Amino acid sequence: LDGQTEKLKGQTFVVSGVFEKISRTELKKNIEDNGGKVSSSISSKTSYVVAGTNMGPSKKDKADNLGIPIISEDEFLTMIR
C-alpha cells in the first residue's frame, strides 16, 4: 500500500483538542497509515496523547497521572517524517 509505514507499530494514540496544520481526521489517518492505533480514551495502554489547543483538562490530568507523554501536533508530525 502506498504511503504505509510501520513507524508507529504497536503504539496507541489518543487525539485531543484542535489542530492547526492538519485536521483531526487527517491526524488519525496518519496514525493508522503508519501502523499505530487510535483510541478514544486514555488508559495504561496509551503510548502518546497528541494534544492540540483546548485539550480537555480531564484528559490531561489522566495522562499526567498515568505518566503518558503528551506531544504536540509538531512533535507527532516529526515522528512520522
PDB file of N, CA and C in Angstrom:
ATOM      1  N   LEU A   1       0.839  -1.206   0.000  1.00  0.00           N
ATOM      2  CA  LEU A   1       0.000   0.000   0.000  1.00  0.00           C
ATOM      3  C   LEU A   1       0.864   1.242   0.000  1.00  0.00           C
ATOM      4  N   ASP A   2       0.483   2.178  -0.798  1.00  0.00           N
ATOM      5  CA  ASP A   2       1.263   3.400  -0.931  1.00  0.00           C
ATOM      6  C   ASP A   2       1.223   4.249   0.331  1.00  0.00           C
ATOM      7  N   GLY A   3       2.376   4.700   0.777  1.00  0.00           N
ATOM      8  CA  GLY A   3       2.427   5.612   1.917  1.00  0.00           C
ATOM      9  C   GLY A   3       2.267   4.971   3.283  1.00  0.00           C
ATOM     10  N   GLN A   4       2.181   3.638   3.329  1.00  0.00           N
ATOM     11  CA  GLN A   4       2.014   2.990   4.626  1.00  0.00           C
ATOM     12  C   GLN A   4       3.380   2.629   5.204  1.00  0.00           C
ATOM     13  N   THR A   5       3.576   2.930   6.480  1.00  0.00           N
ATOM     14  CA  THR A   5       4.823   2.557   7.135  1.00  0.00           C
ATOM     15  C   THR A   5       4.498   1.854   8.448  1.00  0.00           C
ATOM     16  N   GLU A   6       5.524   1.365   9.095  1.00  0.00           N
ATOM     17  CA  GLU A   6       5.372   0.689  10.386  1.00  0.00           C
ATOM     18  C   GLU A   6       5.972   1.541  11.503  1.00  0.00           C
ATOM     19  N   LYS A   7       6.182   2.842  11.223  1.00  0.00           N
ATOM     20  CA  LYS A   7       6.860   3.714  12.192  1.00  0.00           C
ATOM     21  C   LYS A   7       6.198   3.733  13.558  1.00  0.00           C
ATOM     22  N   LEU A   8       4.888   3.595  13.586  1.00  0.00           N
ATOM     23  CA  LEU A   8       4.155   3.702  14.854  1.00  0.00           C
ATOM     24  C   LEU A   8       3.601   2.349  15.303  1.00  0.00           C
ATOM     25  N   LYS A   9       4.124   1.284  14.741  1.00  0.00           N
ATOM     26  CA  LYS A   9       3.618  -0.055  15.041  1.00  0.00           C
ATOM     27  C   LYS A   9       3.637  -0.324  16.542  1.00  0.00           C
ATOM     28  N   GLY A  10       2.545  -0.876  17.053  1.00  0.00           N
ATOM     29  CA  GLY A  10       2.475  -1.239  18.463  1.00  0.00           C
ATOM     30  C   GLY A  10       2.205  -0.065  19.392  1.00  0.00           C
ATOM     31  N   GLN A  11       1.976   1.123  18.818  1.00  0.00           N
ATOM     32  CA  GLN A  11       1.725   2.286  19.657  1.00  0.00           C
ATOM     33  C   GLN A  11       0.278   2.735  19.524  1.00  0.00           C
ATOM     34  N   THR A  12      -0.274   3.170  20.644  1.00  0.00           N
ATOM     35  CA  THR A  12      -1.660   3.615  20.673  1.00  0.00           C
ATOM     36  C   THR A  12      -1.700   5.100  21.011  1.00  0.00           C
ATOM     37  N   PHE A  13      -2.461   5.838  20.242  1.00  0.00           N
ATOM     38  CA  PHE A  13      -2.547   7.282  20.387  1.00  0.00           C
ATOM     39  C   PHE A  13      -3.954   7.729  20.736  1.00  0.00           C
ATOM     40  N   VAL A  14      -4.040   8.721  21.594  1.00  0.00           N
ATOM     41  CA  VAL A  14      -5.312   9.397  21.829  1.00  0.00           C
ATOM     42  C   VAL A  14      -5.127  10.808  21.304  1.00  0.00           C
ATOM     43  N   VAL A  15      -6.083  11.256  20.486  1.00  0.00           N
ATOM     44  CA  VAL A  15      -6.017  12.572  19.864  1.00  0.00           C
ATOM     45  C   VAL A  15      -7.005  13.477  20.575  1.00  0.00           C
ATOM     46  N   SER A  16      -6.536  14.624  21.066  1.00  0.00           N
ATOM     47  CA  SER A  16      -7.417  15.519  21.822  1.00  0.00           C
ATOM     48  C   SER A  16      -7.149  16.970  21.466  1.00  0.00           C
ATOM     49  N   GLY A  17      -8.204  17.736  21.323  1.00  0.00           N
ATOM     50  CA  GLY A  17      -8.034  19.155  21.062  1.00  0.00           C
ATOM     51  C   GLY A  17      -8.203  19.516  19.595  1.00  0.00           C
ATOM     52  N   VAL A  18      -7.834  20.743  19.280  1.00  0.00           N
ATOM     53  CA  VAL A  18      -8.000  21.300  17.943  1.00  0.00           C
ATOM     54  C   VAL A  18      -6.618  21.492  17.334  1.00  0.00           C
ATOM     55  N   PHE A  19      -6.455  21.098  16.086  1.00  0.00           N
ATOM     56  CA  PHE A  19      -5.150  21.155  15.437  1.00  0.00           C
ATOM     57  C   PHE A  19      -5.109  22.201  14.340  1.00  0.00           C
ATOM     58  N   GLU A  20      -3.912  22.728  14.099  1.00  0.00           N
ATOM     59  CA  GLU A  20      -3.768  23.824  13.147  1.00  0.00           C
ATOM     60  C   GLU A  20      -3.311  23.381  11.771  1.00  0.00           C
ATOM     61  N   LYS A  21      -2.333  22.463  11.732  1.00  0.00           N
ATOM     62  CA  LYS A  21      -1.730  22.110  10.447  1.00  0.00           C
ATOM     63  C   LYS A  21      -2.532  21.072   9.691  1.00  0.00           C
ATOM     64  N   ILE A  22      -3.059  20.102  10.414  1.00  0.00           N
ATOM     65  CA  ILE A  22      -3.876  19.074   9.774  1.00  0.00           C
ATOM     66  C   ILE A  22      -5.127  18.850  10.611  1.00  0.00           C
ATOM     67  N   SER A  23      -6.157  18.329   9.986  1.00  0.00           N
ATOM     68  CA  SER A  23      -7.402  18.101  10.717  1.00  0.00           C
ATOM     69  C   SER A  23      -7.270  16.869  11.602  1.00  0.00           C
ATOM     70  N   ARG A  24      -8.159  16.751  12.567  1.00  0.00           N
ATOM     71  CA  ARG A  24      -8.172  15.563  13.456  1.00  0.00           C
ATOM     72  C   ARG A  24      -8.306  14.288  12.637  1.00  0.00           C
ATOM     73  N   THR A  25      -9.156  14.343  11.608  1.00  0.00           N
ATOM     74  CA  THR A  25      -9.389  13.173  10.756  1.00  0.00           C
ATOM     75  C   THR A  25      -8.098  12.761  10.067  1.00  0.00           C
ATOM     76  N   GLU A  26      -7.374  13.757   9.553  1.00  0.00           N
ATOM     77  CA  GLU A  26      -6.106  13.507   8.879  1.00  0.00           C
ATOM     78  C   GLU A  26      -5.060  12.982   9.864  1.00  0.00           C
ATOM     79  N   LEU A  27      -5.068  13.547  11.059  1.00  0.00           N
ATOM     80  CA  LEU A  27      -4.132  13.122  12.101  1.00  0.00           C
ATOM     81  C   LEU A  27      -4.350  11.636  12.409  1.00  0.00           C
ATOM     82  N   LYS A  28      -5.609  11.266  12.583  1.00  0.00           N
ATOM     83  CA  LYS A  28      -5.941   9.865  12.887  1.00  0.00           C
ATOM     84  C   LYS A  28      -5.560   8.951  11.725  1.00  0.00           C
ATOM     85  N   LYS A  29      -5.785   9.432  10.515  1.00  0.00           N
ATOM     86  CA  LYS A  29      -5.426   8.652   9.335  1.00  0.00           C
ATOM     87  C   LYS A  29      -3.905   8.467   9.286  1.00  0.00           C
ATOM     88  N   ASN A  30      -3.151   9.510   9.602  1.00  0.00           N
ATOM     89  CA  ASN A  30      -1.683   9.429   9.635  1.00  0.00           C
ATOM     90  C   ASN A  30      -1.206   8.391  10.643  1.00  0.00           C
ATOM     91  N   ILE A  31      -1.873   8.332  11.794  1.00  0.00           N
ATOM     92  CA  ILE A  31      -1.510   7.338  12.810  1.00  0.00           C
ATOM     93  C   ILE A  31      -1.729   5.938  12.245  1.00  0.00           C
ATOM     94  N   GLU A  32      -2.897   5.712  11.675  1.00  0.00           N
ATOM     95  CA  GLU A  32      -3.227   4.385  11.151  1.00  0.00           C
ATOM     96  C   GLU A  32      -2.359   4.013   9.954  1.00  0.00           C
ATOM     97  N   ASP A  33      -2.072   4.984   9.088  1.00  0.00           N
ATOM     98  CA  ASP A  33      -1.230   4.733   7.913  1.00  0.00           C
ATOM     99  C   ASP A  33       0.193   4.346   8.308  1.00  0.00           C
ATOM    100  N   ASN A  34       0.609   4.756   9.503  1.00  0.00           N
ATOM    101  CA  ASN A  34       1.955   4.436   9.982  1.00  0.00           C
ATOM    102  C   ASN A  34       1.966   3.271  10.967  1.00  0.00           C
ATOM    103  N   GLY A  35       0.868   2.521  11.008  1.00  0.00           N
ATOM    104  CA  GLY A  35       0.832   1.293  11.793  1.00  0.00           C
ATOM    105  C   GLY A  35       0.378   1.450  13.236  1.00  0.00           C
ATOM    106  N   GLY A  36       0.015   2.683  13.631  1.00  0.00           N
ATOM    107  CA  GLY A  36      -0.436   2.906  15.001  1.00  0.00           C
ATOM    108  C   GLY A  36      -1.933   2.701  15.156  1.00  0.00           C
ATOM    109  N   LYS A  37      -2.382   2.729  16.399  1.00  0.00           N
ATOM    110  CA  LYS A  37      -3.816   2.598  16.686  1.00  0.00           C
ATOM    111  C   LYS A  37      -4.306   3.900  17.290  1.00  0.00           C
ATOM    112  N   VAL A  38      -5.554   4.219  17.012  1.00  0.00           N
ATOM    113  CA  VAL A  38      -6.179   5.398  17.606  1.00  0.00           C
ATOM    114  C   VAL A  38      -7.208   4.928  18.615  1.00  0.00           C
ATOM    115  N   SER A  39      -7.149   5.478  19.817  1.00  0.00           N
ATOM    116  CA  SER A  39      -8.119   5.133  20.845  1.00  0.00           C
ATOM    117  C   SER A  39      -8.834   6.406  21.256  1.00  0.00           C
ATOM    118  N   SER A  40     -10.075   6.259  21.711  1.00  0.00           N
ATOM    119  CA  SER A  40     -10.805   7.462  22.094  1.00  0.00           C
ATOM    120  C   SER A  40     -10.567   7.825  23.554  1.00  0.00           C
ATOM    121  N   SER A  41     -10.122   6.840  24.348  1.00  0.00           N
ATOM    122  CA  SER A  41      -9.926   7.164  25.757  1.00  0.00           C
ATOM    123  C   SER A  41      -8.537   6.770  26.235  1.00  0.00           C
ATOM    124  N   ILE A  42      -8.041   7.522  27.192  1.00  0.00           N
ATOM    125  CA  ILE A  42      -6.708   7.307  27.735  1.00  0.00           C
ATOM    126  C   ILE A  42      -6.740   6.161  28.741  1.00  0.00           C
ATOM    127  N   SER A  43      -5.809   5.224  28.572  1.00  0.00           N
ATOM    128  CA  SER A  43      -5.679   4.127  29.529  1.00  0.00           C
ATOM    129  C   SER A  43      -4.199   3.826  29.684  1.00  0.00           C
ATOM    130  N   SER A  44      -3.890   2.842  30.511  1.00  0.00           N
ATOM    131  CA  SER A  44      -2.488   2.470  30.705  1.00  0.00           C
ATOM    132  C   SER A  44      -1.872   1.940  29.410  1.00  0.00           C
ATOM    133  N   LYS A  45      -2.702   1.584  28.430  1.00  0.00           N
ATOM    134  CA  LYS A  45      -2.200   1.081  27.144  1.00  0.00           C
ATOM    135  C   LYS A  45      -1.839   2.209  26.180  1.00  0.00           C
ATOM    136  N   THR A  46      -2.216   3.439  26.510  1.00  0.00           N
ATOM    137  CA  THR A  46      -1.940   4.572  25.622  1.00  0.00           C
ATOM    138  C   THR A  46      -0.443   4.867  25.582  1.00  0.00           C
ATOM    139  N   SER A  47       0.108   5.013  24.368  1.00  0.00           N
ATOM    140  CA  SER A  47       1.534   5.333  24.228  1.00  0.00           C
ATOM    141  C   SER A  47       1.760   6.840  24.292  1.00  0.00           C
ATOM    142  N   TYR A  48       0.915   7.578  23.562  1.00  0.00           N
ATOM    143  CA  TYR A  48       1.049   9.035  23.493  1.00  0.00           C
ATOM    144  C   TYR A  48      -0.321   9.685  23.406  1.00  0.00           C
ATOM    145  N   VAL A  49      -0.394  10.894  23.910  1.00  0.00           N
ATOM    146  CA  VAL A  49      -1.568  11.727  23.675  1.00  0.00           C
ATOM    147  C   VAL A  49      -1.092  12.856  22.766  1.00  0.00           C
ATOM    148  N   VAL A  50      -1.739  12.996  21.619  1.00  0.00           N
ATOM    149  CA  VAL A  50      -1.418  14.101  20.721  1.00  0.00           C
ATOM    150  C   VAL A  50      -2.392  15.219  21.075  1.00  0.00           C
ATOM    151  N   ALA A  51      -1.847  16.316  21.606  1.00  0.00           N
ATOM    152  CA  ALA A  51      -2.688  17.380  22.137  1.00  0.00           C
ATOM    153  C   ALA A  51      -2.663  18.617  21.269  1.00  0.00           C
ATOM    154  N   GLY A  52      -3.841  19.054  20.882  1.00  0.00           N
ATOM    155  CA  GLY A  52      -3.976  20.316  20.181  1.00  0.00           C
ATOM    156  C   GLY A  52      -4.366  21.383  21.190  1.00  0.00           C
ATOM    157  N   THR A  53      -4.835  22.519  20.699  1.00  0.00           N
ATOM    158  CA  THR A  53      -5.317  23.543  21.616  1.00  0.00           C
ATOM    159  C   THR A  53      -6.661  23.086  22.162  1.00  0.00           C
ATOM    160  N   ASN A  54      -7.004  23.564  23.337  1.00  0.00           N
ATOM    161  CA  ASN A  54      -8.266  23.199  24.006  1.00  0.00           C
ATOM    162  C   ASN A  54      -8.382  21.716  24.319  1.00  0.00           C
ATOM    163  N   MET A  55      -7.258  21.086  24.643  1.00  0.00           N
ATOM    164  CA  MET A  55      -7.328  19.701  25.076  1.00  0.00           C
ATOM    165  C   MET A  55      -8.127  19.647  26.372  1.00  0.00           C
ATOM    166  N   GLY A  56      -8.974  18.641  26.507  1.00  0.00           N
ATOM    167  CA  GLY A  56      -9.794  18.530  27.719  1.00  0.00           C
ATOM    168  C   GLY A  56      -8.930  18.397  28.969  1.00  0.00           C
ATOM    169  N   PRO A  57      -9.197  19.192  30.013  1.00  0.00           N
ATOM    170  CA  PRO A  57      -8.383  19.120  31.232  1.00  0.00           C
ATOM    171  C   PRO A  57      -8.431  17.751  31.896  1.00  0.00           C
ATOM    172  N   SER A  58      -9.548  17.049  31.790  1.00  0.00           N
ATOM    173  CA  SER A  58      -9.630  15.727  32.422  1.00  0.00           C
ATOM    174  C   SER A  58      -8.706  14.748  31.703  1.00  0.00           C
ATOM    175  N   LYS A  59      -8.596  14.895  30.373  1.00  0.00           N
ATOM    176  CA  LYS A  59      -7.681  14.034  29.615  1.00  0.00           C
ATOM    177  C   LYS A  59      -6.248  14.333  30.018  1.00  0.00           C
ATOM    178  N   LYS A  60      -5.934  15.611  30.188  1.00  0.00           N
ATOM    179  CA  LYS A  60      -4.578  16.000  30.562  1.00  0.00           C
ATOM    180  C   LYS A  60      -4.223  15.415  31.926  1.00  0.00           C
ATOM    181  N   ASP A  61      -5.154  15.546  32.879  1.00  0.00           N
ATOM    182  CA  ASP A  61      -4.926  15.001  34.222  1.00  0.00           C
ATOM    183  C   ASP A  61      -4.704  13.491  34.172  1.00  0.00           C
ATOM    184  N   LYS A  62      -5.539  12.813  33.398  1.00  0.00           N
ATOM    185  CA  LYS A  62      -5.442  11.357  33.328  1.00  0.00           C
ATOM    186  C   LYS A  62      -4.093  10.942  32.729  1.00  0.00           C
ATOM    187  N   ALA A  63      -3.674  11.629  31.654  1.00  0.00           N
ATOM    188  CA  ALA A  63      -2.383  11.313  31.025  1.00  0.00           C
ATOM    189  C   ALA A  63      -1.250  11.562  32.023  1.00  0.00           C
ATOM    190  N   ASP A  64      -1.320  12.687  32.728  1.00  0.00           N
ATOM    191  CA  ASP A  64      -0.293  13.012  33.726  1.00  0.00           C
ATOM    192  C   ASP A  64      -0.242  11.955  34.822  1.00  0.00           C
ATOM    193  N   ASN A  65      -1.412  11.562  35.303  1.00  0.00           N
ATOM    194  CA  ASN A  65      -1.477  10.558  36.371  1.00  0.00           C
ATOM    195  C   ASN A  65      -0.912   9.206  35.944  1.00  0.00           C
ATOM    196  N   LEU A  66      -1.112   8.850  34.671  1.00  0.00           N
ATOM    197  CA  LEU A  66      -0.629   7.569  34.174  1.00  0.00           C
ATOM    198  C   LEU A  66       0.797   7.666  33.619  1.00  0.00           C
ATOM    199  N   GLY A  67       1.341   8.894  33.598  1.00  0.00           N
ATOM    200  CA  GLY A  67       2.699   9.086  33.090  1.00  0.00           C
ATOM    201  C   GLY A  67       2.810   8.914  31.582  1.00  0.00           C
ATOM    202  N   ILE A  68       1.744   9.242  30.866  1.00  0.00           N
ATOM    203  CA  ILE A  68       1.743   9.113  29.410  1.00  0.00           C
ATOM    204  C   ILE A  68       2.223  10.423  28.783  1.00  0.00           C
ATOM    205  N   PRO A  69       3.205  10.344  27.877  1.00  0.00           N
ATOM    206  CA  PRO A  69       3.708  11.574  27.260  1.00  0.00           C
ATOM    207  C   PRO A  69       2.631  12.282  26.439  1.00  0.00           C
ATOM    208  N   ILE A  70       2.555  13.592  26.614  1.00  0.00           N
ATOM    209  CA  ILE A  70       1.638  14.421  25.828  1.00  0.00           C
ATOM    210  C   ILE A  70       2.497  15.144  24.801  1.00  0.00           C
ATOM    211  N   ILE A  71       2.210  14.897  23.523  1.00  0.00           N
ATOM    212  CA  ILE A  71       3.012  15.515  22.477  1.00  0.00           C
ATOM    213  C   ILE A  71       2.169  16.479  21.654  1.00  0.00           C
ATOM    214  N   SER A  72       2.846  17.437  21.052  1.00  0.00           N
ATOM    215  CA  SER A  72       2.156  18.421  20.221  1.00  0.00           C
ATOM    216  C   SER A  72       1.986  17.865  18.811  1.00  0.00           C
ATOM    217  N   GLU A  73       1.191  18.576  18.047  1.00  0.00           N
ATOM    218  CA  GLU A  73       0.990  18.231  16.640  1.00  0.00           C
ATOM    219  C   GLU A  73       2.344  18.202  15.908  1.00  0.00           C
ATOM    220  N   ASP A  74       3.184  19.201  16.155  1.00  0.00           N
ATOM    221  CA  ASP A  74       4.506  19.266  15.503  1.00  0.00           C
ATOM    222  C   ASP A  74       5.378  18.071  15.873  1.00  0.00           C
ATOM    223  N   GLU A  75       5.354  17.712  17.163  1.00  0.00           N
ATOM    224  CA  GLU A  75       6.155  16.562  17.609  1.00  0.00           C
ATOM    225  C   GLU A  75       5.657  15.279  16.930  1.00  0.00           C
ATOM    226  N   PHE A  76       4.347  15.174  16.800  1.00  0.00           N
ATOM    227  CA  PHE A  76       3.785  13.999  16.137  1.00  0.00           C
ATOM    228  C   PHE A  76       4.222  13.955  14.673  1.00  0.00           C
ATOM    229  N   LEU A  77       4.130  15.094  13.994  1.00  0.00           N
ATOM    230  CA  LEU A  77       4.490  15.138  12.579  1.00  0.00           C
ATOM    231  C   LEU A  77       5.962  14.797  12.364  1.00  0.00           C
ATOM    232  N   THR A  78       6.802  15.174  13.332  1.00  0.00           N
ATOM    233  CA  THR A  78       8.225  14.829  13.270  1.00  0.00           C
ATOM    234  C   THR A  78       8.424  13.316  13.387  1.00  0.00           C
ATOM    235  N   MET A  79       7.602  12.661  14.219  1.00  0.00           N
ATOM    236  CA  MET A  79       7.707  11.207  14.422  1.00  0.00           C
ATOM    237  C   MET A  79       7.457  10.429  13.147  1.00  0.00           C
ATOM    238  N   ILE A  80       6.586  10.944  12.279  1.00  0.00           N
ATOM    239  CA  ILE A  80       6.211  10.178  11.097  1.00  0.00           C
ATOM    240  C   ILE A  80       6.949  10.629   9.836  1.00  0.00           C
ATOM    241  N   ARG A  81       7.804  11.634   9.963  1.00  0.00           N
ATOM    242  CA  ARG A  81       8.543  12.101   8.780  1.00  0.00           C
ATOM    243  C   ARG A  81       9.509  11.063   8.276  1.00  0.00           C
TER     244      ARG A  81
END
